[in-house]
N, C-alpha and C. Protein backbone atom coordinates (compact mmCIF):
# COMPACT_ATOMS: atom_id res chain seq x y z
N MET A 1 3.56 -62.61 23.17
CA MET A 1 4.15 -61.45 22.54
C MET A 1 4.06 -61.56 21.03
N LYS A 2 4.32 -62.79 20.52
CA LYS A 2 4.26 -63.01 19.09
C LYS A 2 2.84 -62.78 18.58
N THR A 3 1.87 -63.14 19.37
CA THR A 3 0.47 -63.00 19.00
C THR A 3 0.09 -61.52 18.91
N ASN A 4 0.55 -60.69 19.86
CA ASN A 4 0.26 -59.25 19.83
C ASN A 4 0.87 -58.59 18.61
N SER A 5 2.08 -58.96 18.29
CA SER A 5 2.75 -58.39 17.12
C SER A 5 2.02 -58.77 15.85
N LEU A 6 1.60 -60.02 15.77
CA LEU A 6 0.88 -60.50 14.60
C LEU A 6 -0.47 -59.79 14.49
N CYS A 7 -1.10 -59.56 15.62
CA CYS A 7 -2.39 -58.87 15.64
C CYS A 7 -2.24 -57.42 15.15
N TYR A 8 -1.23 -56.73 15.67
CA TYR A 8 -0.98 -55.34 15.24
C TYR A 8 -0.64 -55.27 13.76
N PHE A 9 0.15 -56.21 13.31
CA PHE A 9 0.55 -56.25 11.90
C PHE A 9 -0.68 -56.46 11.02
N THR A 10 -1.56 -57.37 11.42
CA THR A 10 -2.76 -57.67 10.64
C THR A 10 -3.68 -56.44 10.59
N ILE A 11 -3.83 -55.78 11.72
CA ILE A 11 -4.68 -54.57 11.76
C ILE A 11 -4.10 -53.48 10.86
N ALA A 12 -2.77 -53.30 10.89
CA ALA A 12 -2.12 -52.29 10.05
C ALA A 12 -2.31 -52.60 8.58
N VAL A 13 -2.17 -53.87 8.20
CA VAL A 13 -2.36 -54.26 6.79
C VAL A 13 -3.81 -54.01 6.38
N CYS A 14 -4.76 -54.32 7.24
CA CYS A 14 -6.18 -54.10 6.91
C CYS A 14 -6.47 -52.61 6.70
N ILE A 15 -5.90 -51.77 7.55
CA ILE A 15 -6.11 -50.34 7.42
C ILE A 15 -5.53 -49.83 6.11
N ILE A 16 -4.33 -50.28 5.76
CA ILE A 16 -3.69 -49.85 4.52
C ILE A 16 -4.50 -50.30 3.32
N VAL A 17 -4.97 -51.56 3.34
CA VAL A 17 -5.78 -52.08 2.23
C VAL A 17 -7.09 -51.30 2.14
N PHE A 18 -7.71 -51.02 3.27
CA PHE A 18 -8.97 -50.28 3.29
C PHE A 18 -8.79 -48.88 2.69
N LEU A 19 -7.72 -48.19 3.07
CA LEU A 19 -7.46 -46.85 2.54
C LEU A 19 -7.11 -46.89 1.06
N ALA A 20 -6.36 -47.89 0.66
CA ALA A 20 -5.94 -47.99 -0.74
C ALA A 20 -7.10 -48.35 -1.66
N CYS A 21 -8.08 -49.05 -1.15
CA CYS A 21 -9.19 -49.50 -1.99
C CYS A 21 -10.41 -48.58 -1.86
N GLY A 22 -10.26 -47.44 -1.24
CA GLY A 22 -11.38 -46.51 -1.06
C GLY A 22 -11.88 -45.99 -2.38
N ALA A 23 -13.02 -45.31 -2.34
CA ALA A 23 -13.61 -44.74 -3.55
C ALA A 23 -12.70 -43.67 -4.11
N ASP A 24 -12.61 -43.62 -5.42
CA ASP A 24 -11.77 -42.63 -6.09
C ASP A 24 -12.67 -41.54 -6.65
N ASP A 25 -12.62 -40.36 -6.00
CA ASP A 25 -13.44 -39.24 -6.45
C ASP A 25 -12.71 -38.39 -7.47
N ASN A 26 -11.56 -38.78 -7.85
CA ASN A 26 -10.74 -38.00 -8.76
C ASN A 26 -11.35 -38.05 -10.16
N ALA A 27 -11.55 -36.92 -10.75
CA ALA A 27 -12.19 -36.83 -12.06
C ALA A 27 -11.22 -37.15 -13.20
N THR A 28 -9.96 -37.42 -12.89
CA THR A 28 -9.00 -37.67 -13.97
C THR A 28 -9.25 -38.99 -14.67
N ASN A 29 -9.98 -39.90 -14.03
CA ASN A 29 -10.27 -41.18 -14.67
C ASN A 29 -11.49 -41.11 -15.58
N GLN A 30 -12.16 -40.00 -15.62
CA GLN A 30 -13.33 -39.82 -16.46
C GLN A 30 -12.89 -39.57 -17.90
N PRO A 31 -13.64 -40.06 -18.87
CA PRO A 31 -13.27 -39.79 -20.26
C PRO A 31 -13.40 -38.30 -20.57
N VAL A 32 -12.51 -37.79 -21.38
CA VAL A 32 -12.50 -36.38 -21.74
C VAL A 32 -13.42 -36.16 -22.92
N LYS A 33 -14.33 -35.20 -22.74
CA LYS A 33 -15.24 -34.87 -23.83
C LYS A 33 -14.61 -33.78 -24.67
N PRO A 34 -14.66 -33.90 -25.97
CA PRO A 34 -14.07 -32.86 -26.82
C PRO A 34 -14.87 -31.56 -26.71
N ILE A 35 -14.16 -30.45 -26.74
CA ILE A 35 -14.79 -29.15 -26.68
C ILE A 35 -15.02 -28.67 -28.11
N THR A 36 -16.26 -28.33 -28.39
CA THR A 36 -16.58 -27.84 -29.73
C THR A 36 -16.79 -26.34 -29.65
N PRO A 37 -16.13 -25.60 -30.51
CA PRO A 37 -16.29 -24.14 -30.48
C PRO A 37 -17.70 -23.75 -30.88
N THR A 38 -18.23 -22.74 -30.21
CA THR A 38 -19.58 -22.27 -30.50
C THR A 38 -19.55 -21.17 -31.56
N GLU A 39 -18.39 -20.55 -31.72
CA GLU A 39 -18.27 -19.49 -32.72
C GLU A 39 -17.09 -19.80 -33.63
N GLU A 40 -17.18 -19.29 -34.81
CA GLU A 40 -16.06 -19.42 -35.73
C GLU A 40 -14.96 -18.45 -35.30
N PRO A 41 -13.71 -18.85 -35.43
CA PRO A 41 -12.63 -17.93 -35.07
C PRO A 41 -12.66 -16.69 -35.95
N SER A 42 -12.31 -15.57 -35.35
CA SER A 42 -12.34 -14.30 -36.06
C SER A 42 -10.92 -13.84 -36.36
N ASP A 43 -10.74 -13.19 -37.47
CA ASP A 43 -9.44 -12.63 -37.82
C ASP A 43 -9.30 -11.21 -37.28
N GLU A 44 -10.34 -10.70 -36.64
CA GLU A 44 -10.33 -9.34 -36.12
C GLU A 44 -9.40 -9.26 -34.90
N ILE A 45 -8.54 -8.29 -34.90
CA ILE A 45 -7.60 -8.10 -33.81
C ILE A 45 -8.18 -7.06 -32.86
N ILE A 46 -8.28 -7.44 -31.61
CA ILE A 46 -8.81 -6.52 -30.60
C ILE A 46 -7.62 -5.90 -29.88
N GLU A 47 -7.52 -4.60 -29.96
CA GLU A 47 -6.41 -3.89 -29.33
C GLU A 47 -6.83 -3.38 -27.96
N ALA A 48 -5.89 -3.43 -27.05
CA ALA A 48 -6.15 -2.90 -25.71
C ALA A 48 -6.27 -1.39 -25.80
N GLU A 49 -7.24 -0.88 -25.09
CA GLU A 49 -7.46 0.55 -25.12
C GLU A 49 -6.39 1.25 -24.28
N GLU A 50 -5.70 2.16 -24.90
CA GLU A 50 -4.67 2.91 -24.20
C GLU A 50 -5.28 4.16 -23.59
N VAL A 51 -4.97 4.35 -22.33
CA VAL A 51 -5.45 5.53 -21.64
C VAL A 51 -4.27 6.48 -21.52
N ALA A 52 -4.42 7.64 -22.09
CA ALA A 52 -3.35 8.63 -22.02
C ALA A 52 -3.37 9.28 -20.64
N ILE A 53 -2.20 9.33 -20.02
CA ILE A 53 -2.08 9.94 -18.70
C ILE A 53 -1.47 11.32 -18.86
N ASP A 54 -2.15 12.29 -18.32
CA ASP A 54 -1.66 13.67 -18.35
C ASP A 54 -0.81 13.89 -17.10
N PHE A 55 0.50 13.63 -17.21
CA PHE A 55 1.38 13.72 -16.05
C PHE A 55 1.48 15.13 -15.50
N ALA A 56 1.35 16.14 -16.34
CA ALA A 56 1.38 17.52 -15.86
C ALA A 56 0.17 17.80 -14.96
N ALA A 57 -0.99 17.30 -15.36
CA ALA A 57 -2.19 17.48 -14.55
C ALA A 57 -2.09 16.68 -13.25
N GLU A 58 -1.51 15.48 -13.32
CA GLU A 58 -1.32 14.67 -12.12
C GLU A 58 -0.38 15.38 -11.14
N GLU A 59 0.70 15.93 -11.65
CA GLU A 59 1.65 16.66 -10.80
C GLU A 59 0.98 17.88 -10.16
N ALA A 60 0.20 18.60 -10.94
CA ALA A 60 -0.50 19.77 -10.42
C ALA A 60 -1.47 19.37 -9.30
N ALA A 61 -2.14 18.24 -9.47
CA ALA A 61 -3.08 17.77 -8.45
C ALA A 61 -2.34 17.39 -7.16
N ILE A 62 -1.17 16.79 -7.29
CA ILE A 62 -0.37 16.41 -6.11
C ILE A 62 0.10 17.66 -5.38
N ARG A 63 0.61 18.62 -6.14
CA ARG A 63 1.08 19.86 -5.52
C ARG A 63 -0.07 20.61 -4.83
N GLU A 64 -1.22 20.64 -5.47
CA GLU A 64 -2.39 21.31 -4.89
C GLU A 64 -2.81 20.61 -3.59
N LEU A 65 -2.83 19.28 -3.61
CA LEU A 65 -3.18 18.51 -2.41
C LEU A 65 -2.21 18.82 -1.27
N PHE A 66 -0.91 18.84 -1.57
CA PHE A 66 0.07 19.06 -0.51
C PHE A 66 0.03 20.50 0.00
N GLU A 67 -0.24 21.45 -0.89
CA GLU A 67 -0.40 22.85 -0.45
C GLU A 67 -1.60 22.98 0.49
N SER A 68 -2.68 22.32 0.15
CA SER A 68 -3.88 22.35 0.98
C SER A 68 -3.61 21.68 2.34
N HIS A 69 -2.88 20.59 2.31
CA HIS A 69 -2.50 19.91 3.55
C HIS A 69 -1.64 20.82 4.42
N THR A 70 -0.67 21.48 3.80
CA THR A 70 0.22 22.39 4.53
C THR A 70 -0.58 23.53 5.17
N ALA A 71 -1.56 24.06 4.45
CA ALA A 71 -2.41 25.12 5.00
C ALA A 71 -3.23 24.60 6.18
N ALA A 72 -3.74 23.38 6.09
CA ALA A 72 -4.51 22.79 7.19
C ALA A 72 -3.63 22.56 8.41
N VAL A 73 -2.37 22.17 8.19
CA VAL A 73 -1.43 21.99 9.29
C VAL A 73 -1.17 23.33 9.97
N ALA A 74 -0.95 24.37 9.16
CA ALA A 74 -0.69 25.70 9.71
C ALA A 74 -1.89 26.20 10.52
N ALA A 75 -3.11 25.85 10.08
CA ALA A 75 -4.33 26.27 10.77
C ALA A 75 -4.67 25.37 11.95
N ASN A 76 -3.90 24.27 12.10
CA ASN A 76 -4.11 23.29 13.17
C ASN A 76 -5.52 22.70 13.14
N ASP A 77 -6.03 22.45 11.93
CA ASP A 77 -7.35 21.87 11.74
C ASP A 77 -7.18 20.37 11.48
N ILE A 78 -7.28 19.58 12.53
CA ILE A 78 -7.00 18.14 12.45
C ILE A 78 -7.90 17.45 11.44
N ASN A 79 -9.19 17.76 11.45
CA ASN A 79 -10.11 17.10 10.51
C ASN A 79 -9.76 17.43 9.07
N GLU A 80 -9.39 18.68 8.81
CA GLU A 80 -9.00 19.07 7.46
C GLU A 80 -7.67 18.41 7.07
N ILE A 81 -6.75 18.32 8.01
CA ILE A 81 -5.46 17.65 7.75
C ILE A 81 -5.71 16.22 7.31
N MET A 82 -6.55 15.51 8.05
CA MET A 82 -6.75 14.09 7.80
C MET A 82 -7.55 13.79 6.54
N LYS A 83 -8.26 14.77 5.99
CA LYS A 83 -8.95 14.58 4.71
C LYS A 83 -7.96 14.35 3.57
N HIS A 84 -6.72 14.77 3.77
CA HIS A 84 -5.70 14.64 2.75
C HIS A 84 -4.97 13.30 2.78
N TRP A 85 -5.20 12.53 3.82
CA TRP A 85 -4.49 11.27 4.02
C TRP A 85 -5.29 10.08 3.54
N LEU A 86 -4.58 9.07 3.05
CA LEU A 86 -5.17 7.80 2.65
C LEU A 86 -5.69 7.11 3.90
N LYS A 87 -6.97 6.83 3.96
CA LYS A 87 -7.57 6.30 5.18
C LYS A 87 -7.44 4.78 5.21
N LEU A 88 -6.25 4.35 5.62
CA LEU A 88 -5.96 2.93 5.79
C LEU A 88 -5.35 2.72 7.17
N GLU A 89 -5.75 1.67 7.82
CA GLU A 89 -5.18 1.32 9.12
C GLU A 89 -4.11 0.25 8.92
N THR A 90 -3.13 0.56 8.08
CA THR A 90 -2.01 -0.33 7.83
C THR A 90 -0.71 0.43 8.05
N LYS A 91 0.38 -0.33 8.16
CA LYS A 91 1.68 0.29 8.42
C LYS A 91 2.23 1.05 7.23
N GLU A 92 1.63 0.89 6.06
CA GLU A 92 2.12 1.64 4.90
C GLU A 92 1.71 3.11 4.97
N VAL A 93 0.77 3.43 5.84
CA VAL A 93 0.40 4.83 6.10
C VAL A 93 1.15 5.24 7.37
N PHE A 94 2.06 6.22 7.22
CA PHE A 94 2.82 6.64 8.39
C PHE A 94 3.37 8.05 8.20
N ILE A 95 3.82 8.60 9.32
CA ILE A 95 4.54 9.87 9.31
C ILE A 95 5.73 9.69 10.25
N SER A 96 6.87 10.21 9.86
CA SER A 96 8.04 10.10 10.71
C SER A 96 8.75 11.44 10.77
N HIS A 97 9.45 11.64 11.88
CA HIS A 97 10.27 12.84 12.00
C HIS A 97 11.46 12.52 12.90
N GLU A 98 12.48 13.32 12.74
CA GLU A 98 13.66 13.20 13.59
C GLU A 98 13.71 14.46 14.45
N PHE A 99 13.86 14.24 15.74
CA PHE A 99 13.98 15.36 16.65
C PHE A 99 15.09 15.03 17.64
N LEU A 100 16.11 15.86 17.66
CA LEU A 100 17.28 15.68 18.53
C LEU A 100 17.92 14.30 18.32
N GLY A 101 17.97 13.88 17.06
CA GLY A 101 18.63 12.63 16.72
C GLY A 101 17.80 11.38 16.88
N VAL A 102 16.56 11.51 17.34
CA VAL A 102 15.69 10.35 17.54
C VAL A 102 14.60 10.36 16.47
N VAL A 103 14.46 9.23 15.78
CA VAL A 103 13.43 9.11 14.75
C VAL A 103 12.17 8.53 15.37
N THR A 104 11.06 9.22 15.17
CA THR A 104 9.76 8.77 15.67
C THR A 104 8.86 8.47 14.48
N ILE A 105 8.18 7.32 14.53
CA ILE A 105 7.28 6.92 13.44
C ILE A 105 5.89 6.69 14.03
N SER A 106 4.89 7.33 13.44
CA SER A 106 3.49 7.09 13.80
C SER A 106 2.84 6.39 12.62
N GLU A 107 2.36 5.16 12.86
CA GLU A 107 1.81 4.34 11.78
C GLU A 107 0.29 4.32 11.81
N LYS A 108 -0.28 4.02 10.69
CA LYS A 108 -1.72 3.90 10.45
C LYS A 108 -2.38 5.28 10.44
N TRP A 109 -3.55 5.35 9.82
CA TRP A 109 -4.27 6.61 9.71
C TRP A 109 -4.53 7.20 11.09
N SER A 110 -4.96 6.36 12.02
CA SER A 110 -5.26 6.85 13.37
C SER A 110 -3.99 7.34 14.07
N GLY A 111 -2.85 6.70 13.83
CA GLY A 111 -1.59 7.14 14.40
C GLY A 111 -1.14 8.48 13.85
N VAL A 112 -1.37 8.68 12.55
CA VAL A 112 -1.02 9.96 11.92
C VAL A 112 -1.89 11.07 12.51
N LYS A 113 -3.16 10.79 12.71
CA LYS A 113 -4.06 11.79 13.30
C LYS A 113 -3.59 12.16 14.71
N GLU A 114 -3.22 11.16 15.47
CA GLU A 114 -2.72 11.41 16.83
C GLU A 114 -1.41 12.21 16.78
N TYR A 115 -0.56 11.92 15.79
CA TYR A 115 0.70 12.65 15.62
C TYR A 115 0.44 14.14 15.44
N TRP A 116 -0.46 14.48 14.51
CA TRP A 116 -0.73 15.90 14.25
C TRP A 116 -1.37 16.57 15.45
N SER A 117 -2.19 15.84 16.21
CA SER A 117 -2.81 16.41 17.41
C SER A 117 -1.78 16.66 18.50
N ALA A 118 -0.88 15.70 18.70
CA ALA A 118 0.06 15.77 19.82
C ALA A 118 1.29 16.61 19.54
N THR A 119 1.74 16.67 18.29
CA THR A 119 3.00 17.36 18.00
C THR A 119 2.95 18.83 18.38
N ARG A 120 1.89 19.52 18.01
CA ARG A 120 1.78 20.94 18.36
C ARG A 120 1.67 21.10 19.88
N ALA A 121 0.93 20.20 20.52
CA ALA A 121 0.77 20.30 21.97
C ALA A 121 2.10 20.08 22.70
N VAL A 122 2.89 19.12 22.23
CA VAL A 122 4.16 18.80 22.90
C VAL A 122 5.25 19.81 22.58
N PHE A 123 5.40 20.13 21.29
CA PHE A 123 6.52 20.98 20.86
C PHE A 123 6.13 22.45 20.65
N GLY A 124 4.86 22.73 20.56
CA GLY A 124 4.42 24.10 20.33
C GLY A 124 4.39 24.48 18.86
N VAL A 125 5.11 23.75 18.04
CA VAL A 125 5.14 23.99 16.59
C VAL A 125 5.12 22.65 15.88
N VAL A 126 4.86 22.71 14.59
CA VAL A 126 4.90 21.51 13.75
C VAL A 126 5.83 21.78 12.58
N PRO A 127 6.28 20.72 11.90
CA PRO A 127 7.12 20.95 10.72
C PRO A 127 6.42 21.85 9.71
N SER A 128 7.14 22.81 9.18
CA SER A 128 6.58 23.75 8.22
C SER A 128 7.25 23.53 6.86
N VAL A 129 6.44 23.16 5.88
CA VAL A 129 6.97 22.90 4.53
C VAL A 129 7.38 24.22 3.90
N GLN A 130 8.61 24.27 3.40
CA GLN A 130 9.14 25.48 2.77
C GLN A 130 9.13 25.38 1.25
N THR A 131 9.49 24.21 0.72
CA THR A 131 9.54 24.04 -0.73
C THR A 131 8.91 22.71 -1.13
N MET A 132 8.42 22.68 -2.34
CA MET A 132 7.97 21.44 -2.97
C MET A 132 8.78 21.32 -4.25
N ASP A 133 9.88 20.59 -4.17
CA ASP A 133 10.85 20.60 -5.26
C ASP A 133 10.54 19.65 -6.40
N LYS A 134 10.47 18.37 -6.12
CA LYS A 134 10.42 17.39 -7.20
C LYS A 134 9.28 16.40 -6.99
N VAL A 135 8.47 16.23 -8.02
CA VAL A 135 7.39 15.24 -8.01
C VAL A 135 7.79 14.11 -8.95
N GLY A 136 7.64 12.89 -8.47
CA GLY A 136 7.86 11.70 -9.29
C GLY A 136 6.58 10.89 -9.32
N ILE A 137 6.16 10.46 -10.50
CA ILE A 137 4.91 9.71 -10.65
C ILE A 137 5.21 8.42 -11.38
N ASP A 138 4.66 7.30 -10.89
CA ASP A 138 4.91 6.02 -11.57
C ASP A 138 4.18 5.97 -12.92
N ALA A 139 4.52 5.00 -13.72
CA ALA A 139 4.01 4.91 -15.10
C ALA A 139 2.49 4.77 -15.18
N ARG A 140 1.87 4.17 -14.17
CA ARG A 140 0.41 3.99 -14.16
C ARG A 140 -0.31 5.16 -13.52
N ALA A 141 0.45 6.12 -12.98
CA ALA A 141 -0.11 7.28 -12.28
C ALA A 141 -0.99 6.85 -11.10
N GLN A 142 -0.50 5.88 -10.33
CA GLN A 142 -1.20 5.41 -9.14
C GLN A 142 -0.44 5.74 -7.86
N ASN A 143 0.88 5.93 -7.99
CA ASN A 143 1.75 6.24 -6.86
C ASN A 143 2.65 7.40 -7.25
N ALA A 144 3.01 8.20 -6.26
CA ALA A 144 3.88 9.35 -6.54
C ALA A 144 4.65 9.73 -5.29
N THR A 145 5.71 10.50 -5.48
CA THR A 145 6.45 11.06 -4.36
C THR A 145 6.69 12.53 -4.61
N LEU A 146 6.91 13.26 -3.53
CA LEU A 146 7.21 14.69 -3.58
C LEU A 146 8.31 14.95 -2.57
N SER A 147 9.37 15.58 -3.02
CA SER A 147 10.47 15.91 -2.11
C SER A 147 10.58 17.42 -2.00
N GLY A 148 11.14 17.85 -0.88
CA GLY A 148 11.32 19.28 -0.67
C GLY A 148 12.02 19.54 0.65
N LYS A 149 11.89 20.78 1.11
CA LYS A 149 12.52 21.18 2.36
C LYS A 149 11.46 21.67 3.34
N TYR A 150 11.77 21.48 4.62
CA TYR A 150 10.88 21.94 5.67
C TYR A 150 11.71 22.60 6.76
N VAL A 151 11.05 23.33 7.64
CA VAL A 151 11.72 23.94 8.78
C VAL A 151 11.00 23.49 10.04
N TRP A 152 11.79 23.07 11.01
CA TRP A 152 11.30 22.70 12.34
C TRP A 152 12.52 22.68 13.23
N GLU A 153 12.74 23.73 13.93
CA GLU A 153 13.98 23.96 14.65
C GLU A 153 15.11 24.22 13.65
N ASP A 154 15.44 23.24 12.83
CA ASP A 154 16.42 23.39 11.77
C ASP A 154 15.74 23.11 10.44
N GLU A 155 16.46 23.41 9.35
CA GLU A 155 15.94 23.08 8.03
C GLU A 155 16.29 21.62 7.73
N GLY A 156 15.39 20.94 7.06
CA GLY A 156 15.64 19.55 6.69
C GLY A 156 14.94 19.20 5.39
N LYS A 157 15.16 17.98 4.93
CA LYS A 157 14.51 17.48 3.72
C LYS A 157 13.38 16.54 4.13
N TYR A 158 12.36 16.50 3.30
CA TYR A 158 11.27 15.56 3.51
C TYR A 158 10.99 14.82 2.21
N LEU A 159 10.36 13.68 2.33
CA LEU A 159 9.87 12.93 1.18
C LEU A 159 8.47 12.47 1.53
N ALA A 160 7.52 12.82 0.69
CA ALA A 160 6.12 12.44 0.89
C ALA A 160 5.72 11.45 -0.20
N ALA A 161 4.94 10.45 0.18
CA ALA A 161 4.45 9.45 -0.77
C ALA A 161 2.94 9.60 -0.91
N PHE A 162 2.47 9.44 -2.13
CA PHE A 162 1.05 9.61 -2.44
C PHE A 162 0.54 8.36 -3.16
N ARG A 163 -0.75 8.10 -3.01
CA ARG A 163 -1.40 7.01 -3.74
C ARG A 163 -2.82 7.45 -4.05
N LYS A 164 -3.32 6.97 -5.15
CA LYS A 164 -4.72 7.26 -5.48
C LYS A 164 -5.62 6.35 -4.66
N ASP A 165 -6.72 6.92 -4.16
CA ASP A 165 -7.67 6.13 -3.39
C ASP A 165 -8.62 5.41 -4.34
N LYS A 166 -9.62 4.75 -3.80
CA LYS A 166 -10.54 3.97 -4.64
C LYS A 166 -11.36 4.85 -5.57
N ASP A 167 -11.44 6.14 -5.28
CA ASP A 167 -12.16 7.08 -6.15
C ASP A 167 -11.25 7.73 -7.19
N GLY A 168 -9.97 7.36 -7.19
CA GLY A 168 -9.03 7.90 -8.15
C GLY A 168 -8.47 9.26 -7.77
N LYS A 169 -8.60 9.64 -6.50
CA LYS A 169 -8.08 10.94 -6.04
C LYS A 169 -6.79 10.71 -5.28
N TRP A 170 -5.84 11.63 -5.47
CA TRP A 170 -4.56 11.54 -4.77
C TRP A 170 -4.76 11.77 -3.28
N LYS A 171 -4.08 10.94 -2.48
CA LYS A 171 -4.07 11.09 -1.02
C LYS A 171 -2.63 10.87 -0.55
N ILE A 172 -2.30 11.47 0.58
CA ILE A 172 -0.97 11.27 1.17
C ILE A 172 -0.95 9.90 1.82
N ARG A 173 0.07 9.12 1.50
CA ARG A 173 0.25 7.80 2.12
C ARG A 173 1.25 7.87 3.26
N ALA A 174 2.29 8.70 3.09
CA ALA A 174 3.33 8.78 4.12
C ALA A 174 4.13 10.06 3.94
N ILE A 175 4.70 10.54 5.05
CA ILE A 175 5.66 11.65 5.00
C ILE A 175 6.82 11.27 5.89
N ASP A 176 8.01 11.41 5.35
CA ASP A 176 9.25 11.14 6.08
C ASP A 176 9.98 12.47 6.25
N PHE A 177 9.71 13.18 7.36
CA PHE A 177 10.42 14.42 7.65
C PHE A 177 11.82 14.03 8.12
N GLY A 178 12.80 14.47 7.40
CA GLY A 178 14.18 14.11 7.69
C GLY A 178 14.73 13.18 6.62
N ASP A 179 13.85 12.68 5.74
CA ASP A 179 14.23 11.81 4.64
C ASP A 179 15.27 10.78 5.08
N LYS A 180 14.86 9.90 5.98
CA LYS A 180 15.74 8.88 6.55
C LYS A 180 15.72 7.57 5.76
N GLY A 181 15.23 7.60 4.54
CA GLY A 181 15.23 6.40 3.72
C GLY A 181 14.06 5.46 3.98
N LEU A 182 13.04 5.94 4.64
CA LEU A 182 11.87 5.10 4.91
C LEU A 182 10.97 4.98 3.69
N LEU A 183 11.14 5.87 2.74
CA LEU A 183 10.37 5.86 1.49
C LEU A 183 11.32 5.80 0.31
N LYS A 184 10.86 5.20 -0.77
CA LYS A 184 11.66 5.16 -1.99
C LYS A 184 11.11 6.23 -2.93
N GLU A 185 12.00 7.11 -3.36
CA GLU A 185 11.58 8.19 -4.25
C GLU A 185 11.33 7.67 -5.66
N ILE A 186 10.24 8.10 -6.24
CA ILE A 186 9.92 7.77 -7.63
C ILE A 186 10.58 8.84 -8.49
N LYS A 187 11.37 8.41 -9.42
CA LYS A 187 12.12 9.37 -10.27
C LYS A 187 11.29 9.84 -11.44
């Protein structure tokens, strides 16, 4: 028994020594070469280019997009409806509504498309936007919200979220019919 323990101990020590004495590929032991500048420092101050954002034009574009979307919904043109939506298959793209106290959420671009196709078939009508009250746009003009009122059985409030796509055009990211707090309004 003593011999086995001694054998195991010796093997363990050899492994530790072998690992400790291995090659060191770490570059920190290499001498540091001084960096010599290739250009003389300049006293010229380079200012960041400021891009002026026309918030009135951005708001007008959002309202125009939502009016066009509302017209496509009224015409029951699914392909035209979906041209207004941000084409992402993520949970940040969604539509929700409350009907008889139950909140239903359809996520992803494909889920939103299915929602618009099925809602008219199941209920015979779809939410109808009545007002577009307040537009909020973030400081970079990349995200926005629009609040207003809609009618569907009863009158209710909605909050729609918008984001610019890769081409810089506004698209609908989400609509919360019933304004159940699923979206944060941009003030």
